[in-house]
C-alpha atoms as a PDB file:
ATOM      1  CA  MET A   1      67.336 -46.080-159.278  1.00  0.00           C
ATOM      2  CA  THR A   2      66.940 -46.360-155.516  1.00  0.00           C
ATOM      3  CA  HIS A   3      70.245 -46.576-153.412  1.00  0.00           C
ATOM      4  CA  VAL A   4      70.807 -50.019-152.055  1.00  0.00           C
ATOM      5  CA  SER A   5      70.298 -48.684-148.615  1.00  0.00           C
ATOM      6  CA  ARG A   6      66.754 -47.866-149.163  1.00  0.00           C
ATOM      7  CA  MET A   7      66.074 -51.430-150.727  1.00  0.00           C
ATOM      8  CA  PRO A   8      63.808 -53.585-148.825  1.00  0.00           C
ATOM      9  CA  GLY A   9      66.013 -56.573-149.170  1.00  0.00           C
ATOM     10  CA  HIS A  10      69.046 -54.621-147.838  1.00  0.00           C
ATOM     11  CA  LEU A  11      67.120 -53.418-145.026  1.00  0.00           C
ATOM     12  CA  ILE A  12      65.617 -56.734-143.992  1.00  0.00           C
ATOM     13  CA  ARG A  13      69.122 -58.201-144.014  1.00  0.00           C
ATOM     14  CA  ARG A  14      70.423 -55.504-142.059  1.00  0.00           C
ATOM     15  CA  LEU A  15      67.699 -55.662-139.408  1.00  0.00           C
ATOM     16  CA  HIS A  16      68.238 -59.289-139.277  1.00  0.00           C
ATOM     17  CA  GLN A  17      71.868 -58.887-138.391  1.00  0.00           C
ATOM     18  CA  ILE A  18      70.881 -56.310-135.780  1.00  0.00           C
ATOM     19  CA  SER A  19      68.142 -58.656-134.298  1.00  0.00           C
ATOM     20  CA  THR A  20      70.510 -61.655-134.189  1.00  0.00           C
ATOM     21  CA  HIS A  21      73.484 -59.402-132.460  1.00  0.00           C
ATOM     22  CA  VAL A  22      70.868 -57.971-130.021  1.00  0.00           C
ATOM     23  CA  PHE A  23      69.447 -61.424-129.197  1.00  0.00           C
ATOM     24  CA  MET A  24      72.830 -63.140-128.804  1.00  0.00           C
ATOM     25  CA  THR A  25      74.500 -60.254-126.720  1.00  0.00           C
ATOM     26  CA  ARG A  26      71.598 -59.841-124.240  1.00  0.00           C
ATOM     27  CA  THR A  27      70.899 -63.469-123.800  1.00  0.00           C
ATOM     28  CA  ARG A  28      74.624 -64.468-123.263  1.00  0.00           C
ATOM     29  CA  GLU A  29      74.846 -61.428-120.910  1.00  0.00           C
ATOM     30  CA  ALA A  30      72.032 -63.103-118.938  1.00  0.00           C
ATOM     31  CA  GLY A  31      73.767 -66.630-118.899  1.00  0.00           C
ATOM     32  CA  PHE A  32      71.995 -68.237-121.661  1.00  0.00           C
ATOM     33  CA  ASP A  33      73.711 -70.177-124.520  1.00  0.00           C
ATOM     34  CA  LEU A  34      70.980 -70.282-127.238  1.00  0.00           C
ATOM     35  CA  THR A  35      70.472 -69.005-130.750  1.00  0.00           C
ATOM     36  CA  PRO A  36      67.409 -67.148-132.076  1.00  0.00           C
ATOM     37  CA  VAL A  37      66.247 -70.085-134.089  1.00  0.00           C
ATOM     38  CA  GLN A  38      66.777 -72.393-131.023  1.00  0.00           C
ATOM     39  CA  PHE A  39      64.632 -70.333-128.805  1.00  0.00           C
ATOM     40  CA  ALA A  40      61.937 -70.077-131.597  1.00  0.00           C
ATOM     41  CA  ALA A  41      62.009 -73.899-132.303  1.00  0.00           C
ATOM     42  CA  LEU A  42      61.788 -74.303-128.067  1.00  0.00           C
ATOM     43  CA  ASP A  43      58.955 -71.848-127.987  1.00  0.00           C
ATOM     44  CA  ALA A  44      57.045 -73.342-130.874  1.00  0.00           C
ATOM     45  CA  ILE A  45      57.341 -76.686-129.199  1.00  0.00           C
ATOM     46  CA  ARG A  46      56.004 -75.380-125.785  1.00  0.00           C
ATOM     47  CA  GLU A  47      53.093 -73.425-127.606  1.00  0.00           C
ATOM     48  CA  SER A  48      52.440 -76.703-129.805  1.00  0.00           C
ATOM     49  CA  PRO A  49      52.440 -79.877-127.641  1.00  0.00           C
ATOM     50  CA  GLY A  50      52.840 -83.072-129.696  1.00  0.00           C
ATOM     51  CA  ILE A  51      54.272 -81.268-132.781  1.00  0.00           C
ATOM     52  CA  ASP A  52      56.490 -83.108-134.978  1.00  0.00           C
ATOM     53  CA  GLN A  53      59.597 -81.960-136.728  1.00  0.00           C
ATOM     54  CA  ALA A  54      57.800 -81.141-140.039  1.00  0.00           C
ATOM     55  CA  GLY A  55      55.358 -78.879-138.122  1.00  0.00           C
ATOM     56  CA  LEU A  56      58.117 -77.271-136.276  1.00  0.00           C
ATOM     57  CA  ALA A  57      59.547 -76.575-139.676  1.00  0.00           C
ATOM     58  CA  ASP A  58      56.498 -74.785-140.830  1.00  0.00           C
ATOM     59  CA  ALA A  59      55.962 -73.067-137.417  1.00  0.00           C
ATOM     60  CA  VAL A  60      59.524 -71.537-137.453  1.00  0.00           C
ATOM     61  CA  ALA A  61      59.583 -70.998-141.160  1.00  0.00           C
ATOM     62  CA  LYS A  62      62.636 -73.154-141.640  1.00  0.00           C
ATOM     63  CA  ASP A  63      63.434 -76.157-143.932  1.00  0.00           C
ATOM     64  CA  ARG A  64      63.286 -79.655-142.532  1.00  0.00           C
ATOM     65  CA  ALA A  65      66.956 -80.347-142.835  1.00  0.00           C
ATOM     66  CA  THR A  66      67.635 -77.121-140.919  1.00  0.00           C
ATOM     67  CA  ILE A  67      65.018 -78.080-138.145  1.00  0.00           C
ATOM     68  CA  GLY A  68      66.532 -81.489-137.913  1.00  0.00           C
ATOM     69  CA  ALA A  69      69.954 -80.067-137.125  1.00  0.00           C
ATOM     70  CA  VAL A  70      68.306 -77.589-134.572  1.00  0.00           C
ATOM     71  CA  ALA A  71      66.480 -80.416-132.857  1.00  0.00           C
ATOM     72  CA  ASP A  72      69.780 -82.523-132.838  1.00  0.00           C
ATOM     73  CA  ARG A  73      71.443 -79.717-130.881  1.00  0.00           C
ATOM     74  CA  LEU A  74      68.858 -79.084-128.599  1.00  0.00           C
ATOM     75  CA  GLU A  75      68.382 -82.668-127.924  1.00  0.00           C
ATOM     76  CA  GLN A  76      72.273 -82.949-127.067  1.00  0.00           C
ATOM     77  CA  LYS A  77      71.784 -79.953-124.644  1.00  0.00           C
ATOM     78  CA  GLY A  78      69.130 -81.775-122.983  1.00  0.00           C
ATOM     79  CA  LEU A  79      66.300 -79.451-123.834  1.00  0.00           C
ATOM     80  CA  LEU A  80      64.071 -81.661-125.813  1.00  0.00           C
ATOM     81  CA  SER A  81      63.182 -85.298-126.352  1.00  0.00           C
ATOM     82  CA  ARG A  82      61.992 -86.744-129.631  1.00  0.00           C
ATOM     83  CA  LYS A  83      59.803 -89.898-129.842  1.00  0.00           C
ATOM     84  CA  ILE A  84      58.750 -92.141-132.739  1.00  0.00           C
ATOM     85  CA  ASN A  85      55.153 -91.232-133.693  1.00  0.00           C
ATOM     86  CA  ALA A  86      52.911 -94.370-133.393  1.00  0.00           C
ATOM     87  CA  GLN A  87      50.983 -93.328-136.522  1.00  0.00           C
ATOM     88  CA  ASP A  88      53.689 -92.386-138.714  1.00  0.00           C
ATOM     89  CA  LYS A  89      57.015 -94.121-137.759  1.00  0.00           C
ATOM     90  CA  ARG A  90      58.893 -91.840-140.058  1.00  0.00           C
ATOM     91  CA  ALA A  91      57.861 -88.741-137.780  1.00  0.00           C
ATOM     92  CA  ARG A  92      59.308 -87.617-134.514  1.00  0.00           C
ATOM     93  CA  ILE A  93      57.072 -85.987-131.856  1.00  0.00           C
ATOM     94  CA  LEU A  94      59.090 -83.350-130.181  1.00  0.00           C
ATOM     95  CA  ALA A  95      58.659 -82.477-126.351  1.00  0.00           C
ATOM     96  CA  LEU A  96      60.429 -80.153-124.131  1.00  0.00           C
ATOM     97  CA  THR A  97      62.368 -81.729-121.143  1.00  0.00           C
ATOM     98  CA  ASP A  98      61.874 -80.063-117.803  1.00  0.00           C
ATOM     99  CA  GLU A  99      65.117 -78.326-118.381  1.00  0.00           C
ATOM    100  CA  GLY A 100      63.773 -76.978-121.804  1.00  0.00           C
ATOM    101  CA  GLU A 101      60.685 -75.892-120.086  1.00  0.00           C
ATOM    102  CA  ALA A 102      62.617 -74.133-117.289  1.00  0.00           C
ATOM    103  CA  LEU A 103      64.654 -72.461-120.056  1.00  0.00           C
ATOM    104  CA  VAL A 104      62.000 -71.076-122.008  1.00  0.00           C
ATOM    105  CA  ALA A 105      60.034 -69.868-119.137  1.00  0.00           C
ATOM    106  CA  ALA A 106      63.252 -67.858-117.978  1.00  0.00           C
ATOM    107  CA  LEU A 107      64.292 -66.612-121.187  1.00  0.00           C
ATOM    108  CA  LYS A 108      60.772 -65.584-122.660  1.00  0.00           C
ATOM    109  CA  PRO A 109      60.589 -62.300-120.771  1.00  0.00           C
ATOM    110  CA  LEU A 110      64.011 -61.360-121.630  1.00  0.00           C
ATOM    111  CA  VAL A 111      63.245 -61.890-125.299  1.00  0.00           C
ATOM    112  CA  GLU A 112      60.296 -60.146-125.170  1.00  0.00           C
ATOM    113  CA  GLU A 113      61.991 -57.017-123.568  1.00  0.00           C
ATOM    114  CA  LEU A 114      64.767 -57.037-126.279  1.00  0.00           C
ATOM    115  CA  GLN A 115      62.272 -56.637-128.839  1.00  0.00           C
ATOM    116  CA  THR A 116      62.281 -52.968-128.761  1.00  0.00           C
ATOM    117  CA  ASP A 117      66.020 -52.849-128.997  1.00  0.00           C
ATOM    118  CA  ILE A 118      65.897 -54.480-132.273  1.00  0.00           C
ATOM    119  CA  LEU A 119      64.224 -51.367-133.710  1.00  0.00           C
ATOM    120  CA  PRO A 120      65.919 -48.498-132.146  1.00  0.00           C
ATOM    121  CA  GLY A 121      64.649 -44.988-132.861  1.00  0.00           C
ATOM    122  CA  LEU A 122      60.851 -46.003-133.437  1.00  0.00           C
ATOM    123  CA  ASP A 123      58.232 -44.776-130.993  1.00  0.00           C
ATOM    124  CA  GLU A 124      55.470 -47.176-129.808  1.00  0.00           C
ATOM    125  CA  THR A 125      53.291 -46.341-132.833  1.00  0.00           C
ATOM    126  CA  GLU A 126      56.105 -46.626-135.200  1.00  0.00           C
ATOM    127  CA  TYR A 127      57.060 -50.075-133.671  1.00  0.00           C
ATOM    128  CA  GLN A 128      53.597 -51.301-133.814  1.00  0.00           C
ATOM    129  CA  LEU A 129      53.228 -50.304-137.441  1.00  0.00           C
ATOM    130  CA  PHE A 130      56.344 -51.948-138.422  1.00  0.00           C
ATOM    131  CA  VAL A 131      55.405 -55.357-136.816  1.00  0.00           C
ATOM    132  CA  GLU A 132      51.972 -55.023-138.562  1.00  0.00           C
ATOM    133  CA  LEU A 133      53.180 -54.420-141.840  1.00  0.00           C
ATOM    134  CA  ALA A 134      56.147 -56.951-141.691  1.00  0.00           C
ATOM    135  CA  ALA A 135      53.670 -59.511-140.489  1.00  0.00           C
ATOM    136  CA  LYS A 136      51.281 -58.467-143.463  1.00  0.00           C
ATOM    137  CA  ALA A 137      54.467 -58.944-145.877  1.00  0.00           C
ATOM    138  CA  ALA A 138      55.383 -62.281-144.207  1.00  0.00           C
ATOM    139  CA  ARG A 139      51.858 -63.617-144.479  1.00  0.00           C
ATOM    140  CA  THR A 140      51.163 -62.554-148.090  1.00  0.00           C
ATOM    141  CA  ALA A 141      54.722 -64.034-149.026  1.00  0.00           C
ATOM    142  CA  GLY A 142      53.978 -67.257-147.508  1.00  0.00           C
ATOM    143  CA  SER A 143      50.733 -67.633-149.511  1.00  0.00           C
ATOM    144  CA  VAL A 144      52.380 -67.044-152.738  1.00  0.00           C
ATOM    145  CA  GLY A 145      53.910 -69.863-154.662  1.00  0.00           C
END
């Protein structure tokens, strides 16, 4: 039997811990107060103007309840606005505020820079291979069920 430290589930969980720690440490050191999920949400809204909460949930692979709470928090921080969709009164269209736009623009280079710190010990080829394999596994898992 494979030792737990060599099991994909354990390794994925451990890398998630490392990723979150690196993100939170580096962004706080730079003076930002945002979680990885909040950043992902803001970035997705920036990349998809007019997105609604259901679309945002799909874009960042979170359930709708979680995204609702994330949107609440970002709205409280003054980083996004929500408007009722004229075509579907139940849906909320999300948009970055000027402050949200500025925050994403300021934070994105730092987030891109810290990506390699999440996978220490990998050279550039290994890093790219890891990203390709992880993306393939995530795509495939997303199409199952």
